[in-house]
Amino acid sequence: MEMHIMEWAGYLGTGLIALSMAMRSIARFRLINLFGAGLMAIYGVLISSVPVIILNTFIVSVDIYYLVEIYSKKESFEVLDVDKHDSYLRRFLDFYRDDIRNYFPGYTYEPAQTTRRFFILRNMMAAGLFIASREDDHTLRVDLDYVIPAYRDFKSGKFIFYQLRNAFLADGYRRVIASGETRKHRKYLKKLGFEKTGEVLYEFRLTN
């Protein structure tokens, strides 16, 4: 039984560390790596290996340090409105085209139909792109709400739908609708407070 526990601690710790290396998000990498290194430190104790204990305790300490820094530092969020024919907007869409299609399959930018287009600036870095169209007088339809891999911690989404709520209301909108065509995007919408109203349709009420 003791050997069984040791083996599982070692395998699971190794698996989590390997998984963390596949994460594009720095925050996710640190978090998963933390748990993996923690299990490997426990594994080191179980097999009485001082080098394993020292190495993984050090990794745990480093991960904790950077996670505290990531989640405690104050960040600046802004929006940068762009013209529908902006050259950087088109270059951004082209550069991230394959990753965008992982969340918005078949998405094609149609300038004439768009109502709102802005980059989400995070500490003056272009962290994401938001494109939406007017569905009716009181409804804004999200065509694209894309965040680059390094910034996928929901902060950009919360900024759009909570801190920009008053700006949307001032434009006459009372609700925002979005299509959840992929499992990852549906999870994102639900976490932000969208409610499912159709097979793939989700709605966010700007008014209570």
N, C-alpha and C. Protein backbone atom coordinates (compact mmCIF):
# COMPACT_ATOMS: atom_id res chain seq x y z
N MET A 1 0.84 -1.21 0.00
CA MET A 1 0.00 0.00 0.00
C MET A 1 0.87 1.25 0.00
N GLU A 2 1.94 1.23 0.80
CA GLU A 2 2.83 2.39 0.90
C GLU A 2 3.48 2.67 -0.45
N MET A 3 3.93 1.59 -1.13
CA MET A 3 4.55 1.76 -2.45
C MET A 3 3.53 2.28 -3.46
N HIS A 4 2.28 1.85 -3.31
CA HIS A 4 1.23 2.30 -4.21
C HIS A 4 1.03 3.82 -4.10
N ILE A 5 1.00 4.33 -2.89
CA ILE A 5 0.83 5.77 -2.66
C ILE A 5 2.02 6.54 -3.22
N MET A 6 3.22 6.03 -3.00
CA MET A 6 4.42 6.70 -3.51
C MET A 6 4.40 6.78 -5.03
N GLU A 7 4.04 5.68 -5.66
CA GLU A 7 4.03 5.65 -7.12
C GLU A 7 3.01 6.65 -7.69
N TRP A 8 1.82 6.67 -7.08
CA TRP A 8 0.79 7.59 -7.57
C TRP A 8 1.20 9.05 -7.37
N ALA A 9 1.83 9.35 -6.25
CA ALA A 9 2.29 10.72 -5.99
C ALA A 9 3.33 11.12 -7.04
N GLY A 10 4.22 10.20 -7.36
CA GLY A 10 5.25 10.48 -8.36
C GLY A 10 4.68 10.64 -9.75
N TYR A 11 3.80 9.72 -10.15
CA TYR A 11 3.20 9.78 -11.48
C TYR A 11 2.34 11.04 -11.65
N LEU A 12 1.51 11.32 -10.64
CA LEU A 12 0.61 12.47 -10.74
C LEU A 12 1.40 13.78 -10.75
N GLY A 13 2.42 13.86 -9.89
CA GLY A 13 3.25 15.06 -9.85
C GLY A 13 3.95 15.28 -11.18
N THR A 14 4.51 14.21 -11.74
CA THR A 14 5.19 14.31 -13.04
C THR A 14 4.21 14.72 -14.13
N GLY A 15 3.00 14.12 -14.09
CA GLY A 15 1.99 14.45 -15.09
C GLY A 15 1.57 15.91 -15.04
N LEU A 16 1.39 16.44 -13.83
CA LEU A 16 0.98 17.85 -13.69
C LEU A 16 2.07 18.80 -14.17
N ILE A 17 3.31 18.47 -13.84
CA ILE A 17 4.42 19.32 -14.30
C ILE A 17 4.50 19.30 -15.82
N ALA A 18 4.31 18.12 -16.42
CA ALA A 18 4.32 18.02 -17.88
C ALA A 18 3.16 18.81 -18.48
N LEU A 19 1.98 18.70 -17.85
CA LEU A 19 0.81 19.43 -18.33
C LEU A 19 1.02 20.94 -18.26
N SER A 20 1.66 21.39 -17.17
CA SER A 20 1.89 22.83 -17.00
C SER A 20 2.73 23.40 -18.14
N MET A 21 3.62 22.60 -18.68
CA MET A 21 4.48 23.08 -19.76
C MET A 21 3.71 23.34 -21.04
N ALA A 22 2.49 22.79 -21.14
CA ALA A 22 1.67 22.99 -22.34
C ALA A 22 0.75 24.20 -22.21
N MET A 23 0.73 24.83 -21.04
CA MET A 23 -0.14 25.98 -20.82
C MET A 23 0.41 27.25 -21.47
N ARG A 24 -0.42 27.95 -22.21
CA ARG A 24 0.00 29.21 -22.80
C ARG A 24 -0.13 30.36 -21.80
N SER A 25 -1.11 30.24 -20.93
CA SER A 25 -1.31 31.26 -19.90
C SER A 25 -0.26 31.12 -18.82
N ILE A 26 0.44 32.20 -18.50
CA ILE A 26 1.47 32.17 -17.46
C ILE A 26 0.87 31.80 -16.11
N ALA A 27 -0.32 32.36 -15.81
CA ALA A 27 -0.96 32.09 -14.53
C ALA A 27 -1.30 30.60 -14.40
N ARG A 28 -1.85 30.01 -15.45
CA ARG A 28 -2.19 28.58 -15.42
C ARG A 28 -0.94 27.73 -15.31
N PHE A 29 0.10 28.13 -16.03
CA PHE A 29 1.36 27.39 -15.94
C PHE A 29 1.87 27.36 -14.51
N ARG A 30 1.88 28.53 -13.85
CA ARG A 30 2.38 28.60 -12.47
C ARG A 30 1.52 27.78 -11.51
N LEU A 31 0.21 27.85 -11.69
CA LEU A 31 -0.70 27.17 -10.77
C LEU A 31 -0.58 25.65 -10.88
N ILE A 32 -0.63 25.14 -12.10
CA ILE A 32 -0.54 23.69 -12.30
C ILE A 32 0.85 23.18 -11.92
N ASN A 33 1.87 23.97 -12.27
CA ASN A 33 3.24 23.60 -11.92
C ASN A 33 3.43 23.55 -10.41
N LEU A 34 2.74 24.46 -9.70
CA LEU A 34 2.80 24.49 -8.24
C LEU A 34 2.30 23.18 -7.65
N PHE A 35 1.13 22.72 -8.11
CA PHE A 35 0.57 21.48 -7.59
C PHE A 35 1.44 20.28 -7.96
N GLY A 36 1.97 20.29 -9.18
CA GLY A 36 2.84 19.19 -9.59
C GLY A 36 4.10 19.11 -8.76
N ALA A 37 4.75 20.26 -8.56
CA ALA A 37 5.98 20.30 -7.76
C ALA A 37 5.68 19.96 -6.30
N GLY A 38 4.51 20.36 -5.81
CA GLY A 38 4.13 20.02 -4.44
C GLY A 38 4.01 18.52 -4.26
N LEU A 39 3.38 17.86 -5.23
CA LEU A 39 3.26 16.40 -5.17
C LEU A 39 4.63 15.72 -5.28
N MET A 40 5.49 16.30 -6.12
CA MET A 40 6.83 15.72 -6.25
C MET A 40 7.65 15.91 -4.98
N ALA A 41 7.40 17.00 -4.26
CA ALA A 41 8.08 17.21 -2.98
C ALA A 41 7.61 16.16 -1.98
N ILE A 42 6.29 15.89 -1.99
CA ILE A 42 5.75 14.84 -1.11
C ILE A 42 6.33 13.48 -1.50
N TYR A 43 6.43 13.25 -2.81
CA TYR A 43 7.03 12.01 -3.32
C TYR A 43 8.47 11.88 -2.82
N GLY A 44 9.20 13.00 -2.82
CA GLY A 44 10.57 12.99 -2.33
C GLY A 44 10.65 12.61 -0.86
N VAL A 45 9.68 13.09 -0.07
CA VAL A 45 9.64 12.72 1.35
C VAL A 45 9.36 11.23 1.51
N LEU A 46 8.42 10.72 0.71
CA LEU A 46 8.04 9.31 0.82
C LEU A 46 9.18 8.37 0.45
N ILE A 47 10.02 8.79 -0.51
CA ILE A 47 11.14 7.92 -0.91
C ILE A 47 12.45 8.35 -0.24
N SER A 48 12.34 9.35 0.65
CA SER A 48 13.52 9.83 1.40
C SER A 48 14.63 10.33 0.48
N SER A 49 14.25 11.10 -0.54
CA SER A 49 15.23 11.65 -1.48
C SER A 49 15.38 13.14 -1.24
N VAL A 50 16.47 13.53 -0.63
CA VAL A 50 16.71 14.93 -0.30
C VAL A 50 16.79 15.82 -1.55
N PRO A 51 17.50 15.40 -2.63
CA PRO A 51 17.56 16.25 -3.83
C PRO A 51 16.18 16.54 -4.42
N VAL A 52 15.31 15.52 -4.44
CA VAL A 52 13.95 15.71 -4.97
C VAL A 52 13.17 16.68 -4.10
N ILE A 53 13.32 16.56 -2.80
CA ILE A 53 12.63 17.45 -1.87
C ILE A 53 13.10 18.89 -2.05
N ILE A 54 14.42 19.08 -2.11
CA ILE A 54 14.98 20.43 -2.22
C ILE A 54 14.56 21.10 -3.53
N LEU A 55 14.72 20.37 -4.64
CA LEU A 55 14.39 20.93 -5.95
C LEU A 55 12.93 21.36 -6.04
N ASN A 56 12.03 20.47 -5.64
CA ASN A 56 10.61 20.75 -5.81
C ASN A 56 10.08 21.73 -4.76
N THR A 57 10.69 21.78 -3.61
CA THR A 57 10.32 22.81 -2.63
C THR A 57 10.70 24.19 -3.17
N PHE A 58 11.86 24.24 -3.82
CA PHE A 58 12.29 25.50 -4.43
C PHE A 58 11.32 25.92 -5.54
N ILE A 59 10.90 24.96 -6.38
CA ILE A 59 9.96 25.26 -7.47
C ILE A 59 8.63 25.75 -6.90
N VAL A 60 8.15 25.12 -5.84
CA VAL A 60 6.90 25.54 -5.19
C VAL A 60 7.03 26.99 -4.71
N SER A 61 8.16 27.30 -4.10
CA SER A 61 8.39 28.66 -3.59
C SER A 61 8.39 29.69 -4.71
N VAL A 62 9.03 29.35 -5.81
CA VAL A 62 9.08 30.27 -6.96
C VAL A 62 7.69 30.46 -7.56
N ASP A 63 6.93 29.36 -7.70
CA ASP A 63 5.58 29.46 -8.25
C ASP A 63 4.68 30.32 -7.37
N ILE A 64 4.76 30.13 -6.06
CA ILE A 64 3.95 30.92 -5.13
C ILE A 64 4.31 32.40 -5.24
N TYR A 65 5.60 32.69 -5.33
CA TYR A 65 6.05 34.08 -5.43
C TYR A 65 5.44 34.75 -6.66
N TYR A 66 5.53 34.09 -7.82
CA TYR A 66 5.03 34.71 -9.05
C TYR A 66 3.50 34.74 -9.10
N LEU A 67 2.84 33.76 -8.51
CA LEU A 67 1.37 33.78 -8.48
C LEU A 67 0.87 34.94 -7.62
N VAL A 68 1.52 35.18 -6.50
CA VAL A 68 1.15 36.32 -5.65
C VAL A 68 1.36 37.62 -6.42
N GLU A 69 2.46 37.69 -7.16
CA GLU A 69 2.76 38.89 -7.95
C GLU A 69 1.72 39.09 -9.05
N ILE A 70 1.34 37.99 -9.71
CA ILE A 70 0.37 38.06 -10.81
C ILE A 70 -0.99 38.54 -10.32
N TYR A 71 -1.47 37.96 -9.21
CA TYR A 71 -2.83 38.25 -8.75
C TYR A 71 -2.94 39.46 -7.83
N SER A 72 -1.83 39.98 -7.36
CA SER A 72 -1.91 41.12 -6.45
C SER A 72 -1.54 42.44 -7.11
N LYS A 73 -0.83 42.39 -8.21
CA LYS A 73 -0.41 43.65 -8.84
C LYS A 73 -1.60 44.33 -9.50
N LYS A 74 -1.60 45.64 -9.43
CA LYS A 74 -2.65 46.42 -10.06
C LYS A 74 -2.34 46.59 -11.54
N GLU A 75 -3.35 46.35 -12.35
CA GLU A 75 -3.18 46.46 -13.78
C GLU A 75 -4.08 47.54 -14.35
N SER A 76 -3.64 48.11 -15.43
CA SER A 76 -4.41 49.16 -16.10
C SER A 76 -5.12 48.57 -17.31
N PHE A 77 -6.44 48.76 -17.37
CA PHE A 77 -7.23 48.31 -18.51
C PHE A 77 -7.82 49.51 -19.23
N GLU A 78 -7.72 49.50 -20.54
CA GLU A 78 -8.29 50.55 -21.36
C GLU A 78 -8.84 49.94 -22.64
N VAL A 79 -9.64 50.69 -23.34
CA VAL A 79 -10.09 50.25 -24.66
C VAL A 79 -9.57 51.23 -25.70
N LEU A 80 -9.23 50.71 -26.85
CA LEU A 80 -8.76 51.53 -27.96
C LEU A 80 -9.67 51.26 -29.15
N ASP A 81 -10.58 52.20 -29.41
CA ASP A 81 -11.49 52.05 -30.54
C ASP A 81 -10.69 52.13 -31.85
N VAL A 82 -11.07 51.28 -32.79
CA VAL A 82 -10.37 51.26 -34.07
C VAL A 82 -11.36 51.36 -35.22
N ASP A 83 -10.91 51.94 -36.32
CA ASP A 83 -11.71 52.04 -37.52
C ASP A 83 -11.92 50.64 -38.11
N LYS A 84 -13.05 50.44 -38.74
CA LYS A 84 -13.37 49.11 -39.26
C LYS A 84 -12.39 48.64 -40.34
N HIS A 85 -11.65 49.59 -40.94
CA HIS A 85 -10.67 49.21 -41.95
C HIS A 85 -9.23 49.36 -41.45
N ASP A 86 -9.08 49.44 -40.14
CA ASP A 86 -7.76 49.64 -39.54
C ASP A 86 -6.81 48.51 -39.96
N SER A 87 -5.61 48.89 -40.38
CA SER A 87 -4.65 47.90 -40.88
C SER A 87 -4.11 47.01 -39.76
N TYR A 88 -3.92 47.57 -38.54
CA TYR A 88 -3.42 46.74 -37.44
C TYR A 88 -4.48 45.72 -37.02
N LEU A 89 -5.75 46.13 -37.04
CA LEU A 89 -6.84 45.21 -36.70
C LEU A 89 -6.80 44.00 -37.64
N ARG A 90 -6.65 44.26 -38.91
CA ARG A 90 -6.61 43.17 -39.89
C ARG A 90 -5.36 42.31 -39.71
N ARG A 91 -4.25 42.94 -39.37
CA ARG A 91 -3.01 42.17 -39.14
C ARG A 91 -3.15 41.30 -37.90
N PHE A 92 -3.80 41.84 -36.86
CA PHE A 92 -4.04 41.09 -35.62
C PHE A 92 -4.91 39.87 -35.90
N LEU A 93 -5.99 40.06 -36.65
CA LEU A 93 -6.89 38.96 -36.99
C LEU A 93 -6.18 37.89 -37.82
N ASP A 94 -5.31 38.32 -38.70
CA ASP A 94 -4.58 37.37 -39.53
C ASP A 94 -3.55 36.60 -38.71
N PHE A 95 -2.87 37.30 -37.82
CA PHE A 95 -1.81 36.67 -37.03
C PHE A 95 -2.38 35.59 -36.10
N TYR A 96 -3.55 35.88 -35.48
CA TYR A 96 -4.14 34.94 -34.53
C TYR A 96 -5.28 34.12 -35.14
N ARG A 97 -5.36 34.07 -36.44
CA ARG A 97 -6.48 33.44 -37.13
C ARG A 97 -6.74 32.00 -36.67
N ASP A 98 -5.71 31.18 -36.62
CA ASP A 98 -5.91 29.77 -36.26
C ASP A 98 -6.39 29.62 -34.82
N ASP A 99 -5.84 30.41 -33.92
CA ASP A 99 -6.27 30.32 -32.52
C ASP A 99 -7.68 30.87 -32.35
N ILE A 100 -8.02 31.92 -33.07
CA ILE A 100 -9.38 32.47 -33.02
C ILE A 100 -10.39 31.42 -33.42
N ARG A 101 -10.08 30.63 -34.42
CA ARG A 101 -11.02 29.62 -34.90
C ARG A 101 -11.22 28.48 -33.91
N ASN A 102 -10.31 28.35 -32.94
CA ASN A 102 -10.52 27.35 -31.89
C ASN A 102 -11.70 27.72 -31.00
N TYR A 103 -12.01 29.02 -30.94
CA TYR A 103 -13.10 29.51 -30.10
C TYR A 103 -14.28 30.02 -30.93
N PHE A 104 -13.99 30.50 -32.13
CA PHE A 104 -15.02 31.03 -33.02
C PHE A 104 -14.87 30.37 -34.39
N PRO A 105 -15.27 29.10 -34.50
CA PRO A 105 -15.10 28.37 -35.76
C PRO A 105 -15.76 29.10 -36.94
N GLY A 106 -15.01 29.22 -38.00
CA GLY A 106 -15.57 29.82 -39.20
C GLY A 106 -15.73 31.33 -39.15
N TYR A 107 -15.17 31.98 -38.11
CA TYR A 107 -15.34 33.43 -38.00
C TYR A 107 -14.67 34.15 -39.18
N THR A 108 -15.41 35.09 -39.74
CA THR A 108 -14.90 35.94 -40.82
C THR A 108 -15.23 37.38 -40.49
N TYR A 109 -14.24 38.22 -40.56
CA TYR A 109 -14.45 39.64 -40.25
C TYR A 109 -15.20 40.32 -41.38
N GLU A 110 -16.35 40.92 -41.06
CA GLU A 110 -17.17 41.63 -42.03
C GLU A 110 -17.33 43.07 -41.57
N PRO A 111 -16.46 43.96 -42.02
CA PRO A 111 -16.41 45.35 -41.54
C PRO A 111 -17.74 46.08 -41.59
N ALA A 112 -18.51 45.88 -42.65
CA ALA A 112 -19.74 46.64 -42.84
C ALA A 112 -20.78 46.36 -41.77
N GLN A 113 -20.72 45.17 -41.15
CA GLN A 113 -21.74 44.78 -40.18
C GLN A 113 -21.37 45.15 -38.74
N THR A 114 -20.15 45.51 -38.51
CA THR A 114 -19.71 45.74 -37.13
C THR A 114 -20.14 47.11 -36.61
N THR A 115 -20.46 47.12 -35.31
CA THR A 115 -20.87 48.36 -34.64
C THR A 115 -19.81 48.85 -33.67
N ARG A 116 -19.26 47.91 -32.90
CA ARG A 116 -18.21 48.24 -31.94
C ARG A 116 -16.97 47.42 -32.25
N ARG A 117 -15.82 48.09 -32.26
CA ARG A 117 -14.55 47.41 -32.49
C ARG A 117 -13.51 48.08 -31.60
N PHE A 118 -12.94 47.34 -30.69
CA PHE A 118 -11.88 47.93 -29.88
C PHE A 118 -10.92 46.88 -29.36
N PHE A 119 -9.69 47.31 -29.20
CA PHE A 119 -8.68 46.47 -28.57
C PHE A 119 -8.77 46.66 -27.06
N ILE A 120 -8.59 45.59 -26.31
CA ILE A 120 -8.49 45.68 -24.86
C ILE A 120 -7.01 45.85 -24.54
N LEU A 121 -6.65 47.01 -24.02
CA LEU A 121 -5.26 47.28 -23.66
C LEU A 121 -5.05 46.95 -22.19
N ARG A 122 -4.08 46.12 -21.95
CA ARG A 122 -3.75 45.71 -20.58
C ARG A 122 -2.32 46.16 -20.30
N ASN A 123 -2.20 47.18 -19.48
CA ASN A 123 -0.89 47.82 -19.27
C ASN A 123 -0.30 48.24 -20.63
N MET A 124 -1.17 48.79 -21.46
CA MET A 124 -0.83 49.31 -22.78
C MET A 124 -0.44 48.23 -23.79
N MET A 125 -0.65 46.96 -23.45
CA MET A 125 -0.42 45.88 -24.40
C MET A 125 -1.76 45.45 -24.98
N ALA A 126 -1.79 45.16 -26.27
CA ALA A 126 -3.03 44.70 -26.90
C ALA A 126 -3.30 43.26 -26.48
N ALA A 127 -4.11 43.11 -25.42
CA ALA A 127 -4.37 41.78 -24.85
C ALA A 127 -5.51 41.06 -25.56
N GLY A 128 -6.38 41.81 -26.21
CA GLY A 128 -7.52 41.16 -26.85
C GLY A 128 -8.23 42.09 -27.81
N LEU A 129 -9.21 41.52 -28.50
CA LEU A 129 -9.97 42.27 -29.49
C LEU A 129 -11.45 41.95 -29.33
N PHE A 130 -12.28 42.99 -29.28
CA PHE A 130 -13.72 42.84 -29.12
C PHE A 130 -14.41 43.45 -30.34
N ILE A 131 -15.23 42.65 -31.00
CA ILE A 131 -15.98 43.11 -32.16
C ILE A 131 -17.44 42.70 -31.98
N ALA A 132 -18.34 43.66 -32.14
CA ALA A 132 -19.75 43.37 -31.94
C ALA A 132 -20.61 44.13 -32.94
N SER A 133 -21.84 43.65 -33.11
CA SER A 133 -22.78 44.27 -34.04
C SER A 133 -24.11 44.53 -33.34
N ARG A 134 -24.83 45.52 -33.82
CA ARG A 134 -26.15 45.82 -33.25
C ARG A 134 -27.17 44.82 -33.79
N GLU A 135 -27.75 44.04 -32.88
CA GLU A 135 -28.77 43.07 -33.26
C GLU A 135 -30.12 43.76 -33.44
N ASP A 136 -30.47 44.61 -32.48
CA ASP A 136 -31.66 45.46 -32.58
C ASP A 136 -31.40 46.69 -31.72
N ASP A 137 -32.40 47.49 -31.48
CA ASP A 137 -32.20 48.76 -30.76
C ASP A 137 -31.59 48.57 -29.37
N HIS A 138 -31.87 47.47 -28.72
CA HIS A 138 -31.42 47.28 -27.35
C HIS A 138 -30.50 46.06 -27.16
N THR A 139 -30.07 45.45 -28.26
CA THR A 139 -29.27 44.23 -28.16
C THR A 139 -27.96 44.35 -28.94
N LEU A 140 -26.87 44.03 -28.27
CA LEU A 140 -25.55 44.00 -28.90
C LEU A 140 -25.14 42.54 -29.06
N ARG A 141 -24.79 42.16 -30.27
CA ARG A 141 -24.38 40.78 -30.53
C ARG A 141 -22.85 40.72 -30.62
N VAL A 142 -22.25 39.86 -29.82
CA VAL A 142 -20.80 39.69 -29.84
C VAL A 142 -20.40 38.82 -31.03
N ASP A 143 -19.61 39.37 -31.90
CA ASP A 143 -19.09 38.61 -33.04
C ASP A 143 -17.76 37.96 -32.68
N LEU A 144 -16.95 38.71 -31.95
CA LEU A 144 -15.63 38.21 -31.55
C LEU A 144 -15.23 38.82 -30.22
N ASP A 145 -14.87 37.97 -29.29
CA ASP A 145 -14.35 38.41 -27.99
C ASP A 145 -13.12 37.55 -27.73
N TYR A 146 -12.01 37.98 -28.29
CA TYR A 146 -10.80 37.16 -28.29
C TYR A 146 -9.71 37.77 -27.43
N VAL A 147 -9.09 36.93 -26.62
CA VAL A 147 -7.97 37.35 -25.78
C VAL A 147 -6.78 36.47 -26.13
N ILE A 148 -5.63 37.07 -26.29
CA ILE A 148 -4.43 36.29 -26.65
C ILE A 148 -4.06 35.35 -25.50
N PRO A 149 -3.40 34.22 -25.81
CA PRO A 149 -3.14 33.18 -24.81
C PRO A 149 -2.52 33.65 -23.49
N ALA A 150 -1.59 34.58 -23.54
CA ALA A 150 -0.89 35.00 -22.32
C ALA A 150 -1.77 35.71 -21.30
N TYR A 151 -2.97 36.17 -21.73
CA TYR A 151 -3.82 36.96 -20.85
C TYR A 151 -5.16 36.32 -20.56
N ARG A 152 -5.26 35.00 -20.69
CA ARG A 152 -6.55 34.33 -20.49
C ARG A 152 -6.79 33.98 -19.02
N ASP A 153 -7.12 35.00 -18.25
CA ASP A 153 -7.43 34.78 -16.84
C ASP A 153 -8.77 35.43 -16.48
N PHE A 154 -9.61 35.70 -17.48
CA PHE A 154 -10.96 36.26 -17.34
C PHE A 154 -10.97 37.74 -16.96
N LYS A 155 -9.83 38.34 -16.68
CA LYS A 155 -9.82 39.75 -16.29
C LYS A 155 -10.28 40.66 -17.42
N SER A 156 -9.88 40.34 -18.64
CA SER A 156 -10.28 41.17 -19.78
C SER A 156 -11.78 41.07 -20.00
N GLY A 157 -12.32 39.85 -19.89
CA GLY A 157 -13.76 39.67 -20.06
C GLY A 157 -14.56 40.40 -19.00
N LYS A 158 -14.11 40.34 -17.76
CA LYS A 158 -14.80 41.04 -16.68
C LYS A 158 -14.75 42.55 -16.90
N PHE A 159 -13.63 43.03 -17.43
CA PHE A 159 -13.52 44.45 -17.72
C PHE A 159 -14.55 44.88 -18.76
N ILE A 160 -14.71 44.07 -19.80
CA ILE A 160 -15.64 44.41 -20.88
C ILE A 160 -17.08 44.45 -20.38
N PHE A 161 -17.50 43.38 -19.72
CA PHE A 161 -18.93 43.25 -19.42
C PHE A 161 -19.36 43.85 -18.08
N TYR A 162 -18.40 44.23 -17.25
CA TYR A 162 -18.77 44.84 -15.97
C TYR A 162 -18.34 46.31 -15.90
N GLN A 163 -17.08 46.57 -16.19
CA GLN A 163 -16.62 47.95 -16.10
C GLN A 163 -17.09 48.81 -17.27
N LEU A 164 -17.39 48.19 -18.40
CA LEU A 164 -17.89 48.95 -19.55
C LEU A 164 -19.42 48.89 -19.64
N ARG A 165 -20.05 48.35 -18.63
CA ARG A 165 -21.51 48.22 -18.63
C ARG A 165 -22.21 49.57 -18.88
N ASN A 166 -21.76 50.59 -18.17
CA ASN A 166 -22.40 51.91 -18.31
C ASN A 166 -22.23 52.49 -19.71
N ALA A 167 -21.10 52.20 -20.33
CA ALA A 167 -20.87 52.69 -21.70
C ALA A 167 -21.84 52.01 -22.67
N PHE A 168 -22.08 50.72 -22.48
CA PHE A 168 -23.04 50.01 -23.32
C PHE A 168 -24.46 50.52 -23.08
N LEU A 169 -24.79 50.77 -21.82
CA LEU A 169 -26.12 51.28 -21.48
C LEU A 169 -26.34 52.67 -22.09
N ALA A 170 -25.29 53.48 -22.08
CA ALA A 170 -25.38 54.83 -22.66
C ALA A 170 -25.64 54.78 -24.15
N ASP A 171 -25.23 53.70 -24.80
CA ASP A 171 -25.47 53.52 -26.23
C ASP A 171 -26.85 52.94 -26.51
N GLY A 172 -27.61 52.69 -25.43
CA GLY A 172 -28.97 52.19 -25.59
C GLY A 172 -29.14 50.70 -25.47
N TYR A 173 -28.05 49.98 -25.24
CA TYR A 173 -28.14 48.53 -25.13
C TYR A 173 -28.63 48.11 -23.74
N ARG A 174 -29.43 47.05 -23.72
CA ARG A 174 -29.92 46.50 -22.46
C ARG A 174 -29.45 45.07 -22.24
N ARG A 175 -28.97 44.46 -23.29
CA ARG A 175 -28.47 43.10 -23.17
C ARG A 175 -27.42 42.83 -24.24
N VAL A 176 -26.59 41.83 -23.96
CA VAL A 176 -25.55 41.40 -24.89
C VAL A 176 -25.78 39.92 -25.17
N ILE A 177 -25.73 39.51 -26.41
CA ILE A 177 -25.89 38.09 -26.73
C ILE A 177 -24.61 37.58 -27.40
N ALA A 178 -24.35 36.30 -27.21
CA ALA A 178 -23.16 35.69 -27.79
C ALA A 178 -23.44 34.22 -28.08
N SER A 179 -22.76 33.68 -29.07
CA SER A 179 -22.89 32.26 -29.40
C SER A 179 -21.77 31.47 -28.76
N GLY A 180 -22.13 30.41 -28.08
CA GLY A 180 -21.12 29.52 -27.48
C GLY A 180 -20.97 28.29 -28.34
N GLU A 181 -20.18 28.38 -29.39
CA GLU A 181 -20.06 27.28 -30.35
C GLU A 181 -19.03 26.24 -29.95
N THR A 182 -18.19 26.56 -28.98
CA THR A 182 -17.20 25.59 -28.51
C THR A 182 -17.30 25.45 -27.00
N ARG A 183 -16.86 24.32 -26.50
CA ARG A 183 -16.94 24.06 -25.06
C ARG A 183 -16.16 25.10 -24.27
N LYS A 184 -14.98 25.47 -24.74
CA LYS A 184 -14.15 26.44 -24.03
C LYS A 184 -14.84 27.80 -23.97
N HIS A 185 -15.46 28.20 -25.07
CA HIS A 185 -16.12 29.51 -25.07
C HIS A 185 -17.38 29.50 -24.22
N ARG A 186 -18.10 28.39 -24.20
CA ARG A 186 -19.29 28.29 -23.34
C ARG A 186 -18.89 28.41 -21.87
N LYS A 187 -17.79 27.79 -21.51
CA LYS A 187 -17.30 27.87 -20.14
C LYS A 187 -16.95 29.31 -19.79
N TYR A 188 -16.34 30.01 -20.72
CA TYR A 188 -15.98 31.42 -20.54
C TYR A 188 -17.22 32.27 -20.33
N LEU A 189 -18.23 32.08 -21.17
CA LEU A 189 -19.46 32.86 -21.07
C LEU A 189 -20.17 32.64 -19.74
N LYS A 190 -20.26 31.40 -19.32
CA LYS A 190 -20.93 31.08 -18.06
C LYS A 190 -20.20 31.71 -16.88
N LYS A 191 -18.88 31.68 -16.92
CA LYS A 191 -18.10 32.25 -15.82
C LYS A 191 -18.29 33.77 -15.74
N LEU A 192 -18.55 34.42 -16.86
CA LEU A 192 -18.76 35.86 -16.87
C LEU A 192 -20.17 36.26 -16.49
N GLY A 193 -21.07 35.29 -16.39
CA GLY A 193 -22.44 35.60 -15.98
C GLY A 193 -23.46 35.53 -17.10
N PHE A 194 -23.08 35.04 -18.26
CA PHE A 194 -24.04 34.85 -19.34
C PHE A 194 -24.96 33.68 -19.01
N GLU A 195 -26.20 33.78 -19.41
CA GLU A 195 -27.17 32.71 -19.20
C GLU A 195 -27.58 32.11 -20.54
N LYS A 196 -27.71 30.79 -20.56
CA LYS A 196 -28.07 30.10 -21.79
C LYS A 196 -29.54 30.34 -22.12
N THR A 197 -29.81 30.78 -23.35
CA THR A 197 -31.19 31.05 -23.76
C THR A 197 -31.58 30.25 -25.01
N GLY A 198 -30.65 29.51 -25.55
CA GLY A 198 -30.90 28.71 -26.75
C GLY A 198 -29.89 27.60 -26.83
N GLU A 199 -29.89 26.88 -27.94
CA GLU A 199 -28.98 25.75 -28.09
C GLU A 199 -27.53 26.18 -27.94
N VAL A 200 -27.16 27.29 -28.59
CA VAL A 200 -25.80 27.81 -28.46
C VAL A 200 -25.81 29.30 -28.12
N LEU A 201 -26.99 29.85 -27.85
CA LEU A 201 -27.10 31.28 -27.59
C LEU A 201 -27.06 31.58 -26.09
N TYR A 202 -26.27 32.61 -25.74
CA TYR A 202 -26.14 33.03 -24.35
C TYR A 202 -26.43 34.53 -24.25
N GLU A 203 -26.95 34.94 -23.10
CA GLU A 203 -27.36 36.32 -22.93
C GLU A 203 -26.81 36.90 -21.63
N PHE A 204 -26.37 38.15 -21.72
CA PHE A 204 -25.87 38.88 -20.54
C PHE A 204 -26.73 40.13 -20.38
N ARG A 205 -27.43 40.22 -19.26
CA ARG A 205 -28.30 41.38 -19.01
C ARG A 205 -27.48 42.53 -18.44
N LEU A 206 -27.56 43.67 -19.11
CA LEU A 206 -26.86 44.86 -18.62
C LEU A 206 -27.64 45.58 -17.54
N THR A 207 -28.93 45.30 -17.47
CA THR A 207 -29.79 45.88 -16.42
C THR A 207 -30.32 44.77 -15.54
N ASN A 208 -30.57 45.07 -14.27
CA ASN A 208 -31.08 44.06 -13.36
C ASN A 208 -32.58 43.85 -13.56
